[in-house]
Amino acid sequence: MVPESTGGRVGLSGSAPMRIHWEIVNEPEATGEDVPQDSGQIHPDGVGPGVLYRERQRVPLSWWVIGLGVATLIGFQGQMGRGWYWGVIAGLLAAGAVVWSLLHLSRNELVVERAEDGETWLRAGEASLPASVVSRTLAVPPSARSAAMGRQLDPAAFVIHRTWVPSMAMLVLDDPDDPSPYWLISTHEPEKLLAAFGRPVVD
């Protein structure tokens, strides 16, 4: 079940345990200076209201090369035994599907921001989480990702998994109104994200 917006924090509809929110599917936006693609950026002052951290997770360049290569192959196959224009049509349709799919996979953004009331929020796509309901956090390195996503995964956890992002962040909840025990989200810079979020980090 995907969290539904309730005006502020994203809530969870229904009383049954929440199932995993699977998204197999954050290059940061510039905030005054250029930063490397897909790396997280901490806001320079981080004091008043505003964005403390921002990260976008775009698919790797190799995915574009492979996808457009497949589209070209489809176009070549489409014209065999027919006119050349069939190949052009097939190739354009396949390329359009590839571009749409990769842009869709790249749309997610992680943002840590402080509201006017002083509350710090983590926004991951359409879902939002206030720091006040998080008891502790944990950076999951690449070496531990398979275990966190495998035998150790709680079926009721809220998960946003990007296969091309090697590390993750875990945020353990202390909220009786939320059936999810924790959030587990892919991030290129878990330490930076959790430092901006401001909750205790477990080593």
Protein backbone atom coordinates (compact mmCIF):
# COMPACT_ATOMS: atom_id res chain seq x y z
CA MET A 1 0.00 0.00 0.00
CA VAL A 2 1.38 3.40 -0.94
CA PRO A 3 1.17 6.20 1.63
CA GLU A 4 -1.59 8.69 0.95
CA SER A 5 -1.28 12.40 1.63
CA THR A 6 -3.25 13.73 4.56
CA GLY A 7 -2.26 17.36 4.15
CA GLY A 8 0.94 17.27 6.16
CA ARG A 9 2.68 14.06 6.91
CA VAL A 10 1.79 11.23 4.61
CA GLY A 11 -0.47 8.82 6.43
CA LEU A 12 -1.33 5.21 5.80
CA SER A 13 -4.82 4.21 4.79
CA GLY A 14 -6.52 1.14 6.18
CA SER A 15 -5.84 -0.83 9.32
CA ALA A 16 -4.09 -3.82 7.77
CA PRO A 17 -0.25 -3.95 7.96
CA MET A 18 1.31 -1.95 5.22
CA ARG A 19 2.87 -3.96 2.41
CA ILE A 20 6.18 -3.00 0.96
CA HIS A 21 6.05 -0.04 -1.42
CA TRP A 22 8.21 -1.34 -4.24
CA GLU A 23 9.71 1.09 -6.72
CA ILE A 24 12.48 -0.40 -8.78
CA VAL A 25 13.23 2.47 -10.17
CA ASN A 26 17.83 11.38 -6.16
CA GLU A 27 21.44 14.34 -9.61
CA PRO A 28 20.96 17.11 -7.17
CA GLU A 29 19.45 20.36 -8.23
CA ALA A 30 21.75 23.34 -8.07
CA THR A 31 21.35 25.63 -5.11
CA GLY A 32 23.98 28.17 -6.01
CA GLU A 33 26.88 25.98 -7.12
CA ASP A 34 27.47 22.97 -9.29
CA VAL A 35 27.60 19.59 -7.58
CA PRO A 36 28.41 16.12 -8.94
CA GLN A 37 25.55 14.19 -10.50
CA ASP A 38 23.51 12.08 -8.09
CA SER A 39 25.42 13.25 -5.00
CA GLY A 40 23.51 14.73 -2.09
CA GLN A 41 23.98 18.36 -1.17
CA ILE A 42 23.63 19.86 2.29
CA HIS A 43 22.21 23.38 2.40
CA PRO A 44 25.03 25.83 3.17
CA ASP A 45 23.47 27.44 6.26
CA GLY A 46 20.92 24.84 7.44
CA VAL A 47 19.60 27.11 10.20
CA GLY A 48 16.23 28.61 9.30
CA PRO A 49 13.36 27.16 7.31
CA GLY A 50 14.26 25.71 3.95
CA VAL A 51 16.00 22.81 2.24
CA LEU A 52 18.76 21.15 4.28
CA TYR A 53 19.56 18.34 1.85
CA ARG A 54 18.55 17.43 -1.68
CA GLU A 55 19.31 14.40 -3.83
CA ARG A 56 18.01 13.11 -7.13
CA GLN A 57 18.49 9.55 -8.36
CA ARG A 58 18.75 9.46 -12.11
CA VAL A 59 19.42 6.23 -13.95
CA PRO A 60 23.03 5.68 -15.06
CA LEU A 61 24.16 6.76 -18.52
CA SER A 62 24.73 3.12 -19.44
CA TRP A 63 20.98 2.49 -19.15
CA TRP A 64 20.35 5.14 -21.81
CA VAL A 65 22.94 3.61 -24.11
CA ILE A 66 21.48 0.13 -23.72
CA GLY A 67 17.89 1.34 -24.06
CA LEU A 68 18.51 3.34 -27.22
CA GLY A 69 20.54 0.45 -28.60
CA VAL A 70 17.56 -1.84 -28.12
CA ALA A 71 15.30 0.74 -29.80
CA THR A 72 17.66 0.85 -32.78
CA LEU A 73 17.64 -2.94 -33.02
CA ILE A 74 13.84 -2.97 -32.94
CA GLY A 75 13.77 -0.41 -35.73
CA PHE A 76 16.16 -2.50 -37.82
CA GLN A 77 14.08 -5.63 -37.29
CA GLY A 78 10.89 -3.73 -38.11
CA GLN A 79 11.97 -2.91 -41.66
CA MET A 80 13.10 -6.41 -42.60
CA GLY A 81 10.80 -7.78 -45.30
CA ARG A 82 8.88 -4.50 -45.36
CA GLY A 83 9.50 -0.95 -46.41
CA TRP A 84 12.14 1.15 -44.65
CA TYR A 85 9.45 3.37 -43.20
CA TRP A 86 8.21 0.48 -41.03
CA GLY A 87 11.63 0.39 -39.42
CA VAL A 88 11.54 4.14 -38.80
CA ILE A 89 8.11 3.90 -37.19
CA ALA A 90 9.09 0.92 -35.03
CA GLY A 91 12.35 2.57 -33.99
CA LEU A 92 10.68 5.86 -33.05
CA LEU A 93 8.00 4.09 -31.02
CA ALA A 94 10.60 1.99 -29.20
CA ALA A 95 12.83 5.03 -28.55
CA GLY A 96 9.85 6.96 -27.19
CA ALA A 97 9.02 4.10 -24.83
CA VAL A 98 12.64 3.91 -23.65
CA VAL A 99 12.91 7.66 -23.03
CA TRP A 100 9.59 7.77 -21.15
CA SER A 101 10.53 4.76 -18.99
CA LEU A 102 13.98 6.08 -18.04
CA LEU A 103 12.67 9.57 -17.27
CA HIS A 104 9.95 7.99 -15.13
CA LEU A 105 12.53 5.96 -13.21
CA SER A 106 14.65 9.10 -12.68
CA ARG A 107 11.88 11.30 -11.31
CA ASN A 108 12.30 10.55 -7.60
CA GLU A 109 13.89 13.11 -5.28
CA LEU A 110 14.97 12.97 -1.64
CA VAL A 111 14.62 16.25 0.24
CA VAL A 112 15.26 17.09 3.90
CA GLU A 113 13.72 20.43 4.81
CA ARG A 114 12.88 22.44 7.91
CA ALA A 115 9.37 23.90 8.15
CA GLU A 116 8.43 27.27 9.63
CA ASP A 117 7.48 25.59 12.92
CA GLY A 118 10.97 24.08 13.25
CA GLU A 119 9.96 20.52 12.36
CA THR A 120 12.35 18.70 10.04
CA TRP A 121 10.81 16.61 7.26
CA LEU A 122 12.11 13.95 4.92
CA ARG A 123 10.32 13.85 1.59
CA ALA A 124 10.88 10.83 -0.65
CA GLY A 125 8.82 11.10 -3.80
CA GLU A 126 5.21 11.55 -2.69
CA ALA A 127 5.86 10.31 0.87
CA SER A 128 6.79 12.54 3.81
CA LEU A 129 8.17 11.77 7.27
CA PRO A 130 8.64 14.18 10.21
CA ALA A 131 11.74 13.78 12.37
CA SER A 132 9.61 13.85 15.53
CA VAL A 133 8.37 10.27 14.92
CA VAL A 134 11.82 8.80 14.18
CA SER A 135 13.61 7.28 17.17
CA ARG A 136 16.93 6.40 15.50
CA THR A 137 18.53 6.02 12.10
CA LEU A 138 21.12 3.82 10.44
CA ALA A 139 23.28 4.13 7.33
CA VAL A 140 23.23 0.88 5.34
CA PRO A 141 26.48 0.47 3.33
CA PRO A 142 26.61 -1.41 0.01
CA SER A 143 27.98 -4.50 1.77
CA ALA A 144 24.86 -4.75 3.96
CA ARG A 145 22.24 -3.80 1.37
CA SER A 146 21.44 -7.34 0.24
CA ALA A 147 20.84 -8.46 3.83
CA ALA A 148 18.69 -5.40 4.59
CA MET A 149 16.61 -6.09 1.47
CA GLY A 150 16.60 -9.85 2.01
CA ARG A 151 16.37 -11.98 5.11
CA GLN A 152 16.33 -9.00 7.52
CA LEU A 153 13.57 -7.10 5.73
CA ASP A 154 10.33 -6.58 7.68
CA PRO A 155 7.35 -7.11 5.32
CA ALA A 156 5.61 -4.09 6.85
CA ALA A 157 8.52 -1.72 6.16
CA PHE A 158 8.18 1.22 3.78
CA VAL A 159 10.77 0.67 1.07
CA ILE A 160 11.97 2.80 -1.84
CA HIS A 161 14.63 0.78 -3.64
CA ARG A 162 16.72 1.98 -6.58
CA THR A 163 18.75 -0.90 -7.96
CA TRP A 164 21.54 1.38 -9.24
CA VAL A 165 22.01 3.19 -5.90
CA PRO A 166 24.46 1.14 -3.79
CA SER A 167 23.65 2.36 -0.26
CA MET A 168 20.52 2.92 1.80
CA ALA A 169 19.27 4.71 4.92
CA MET A 170 17.05 3.16 7.59
CA LEU A 171 14.81 5.34 9.77
CA VAL A 172 13.20 3.51 12.69
CA LEU A 173 9.78 4.87 13.62
CA ASP A 174 8.30 5.46 17.07
CA ASP A 175 4.72 6.18 16.04
CA PRO A 176 1.79 4.09 17.34
CA ASP A 177 -0.39 5.38 14.50
CA ASP A 178 1.94 4.06 11.80
CA PRO A 179 2.08 0.29 11.16
CA SER A 180 5.45 0.61 9.40
CA PRO A 181 8.33 -0.25 11.76
CA TYR A 182 10.84 1.67 9.66
CA TRP A 183 11.62 3.36 6.36
CA LEU A 184 14.33 1.87 4.14
CA ILE A 185 15.29 4.13 1.23
CA SER A 186 18.06 4.16 -1.35
CA THR A 187 20.43 7.12 -1.14
CA HIS A 188 23.88 7.90 -2.54
CA GLU A 189 24.88 9.75 0.64
CA PRO A 190 23.22 8.14 3.69
CA GLU A 191 25.50 9.89 6.20
CA LYS A 192 24.78 13.34 4.74
CA LEU A 193 21.05 12.67 4.54
CA LEU A 194 20.82 11.44 8.13
CA ALA A 195 23.02 14.29 9.43
CA ALA A 196 20.67 16.79 7.81
CA PHE A 197 17.64 14.96 9.21
CA GLY A 198 19.04 15.36 12.71
CA ARG A 199 17.97 12.14 14.40
CA PRO A 200 20.31 9.82 16.38
CA VAL A 201 22.46 7.64 14.12
CA VAL A 202 23.30 4.08 15.20
CA ASP A 203 26.84 2.98 14.27
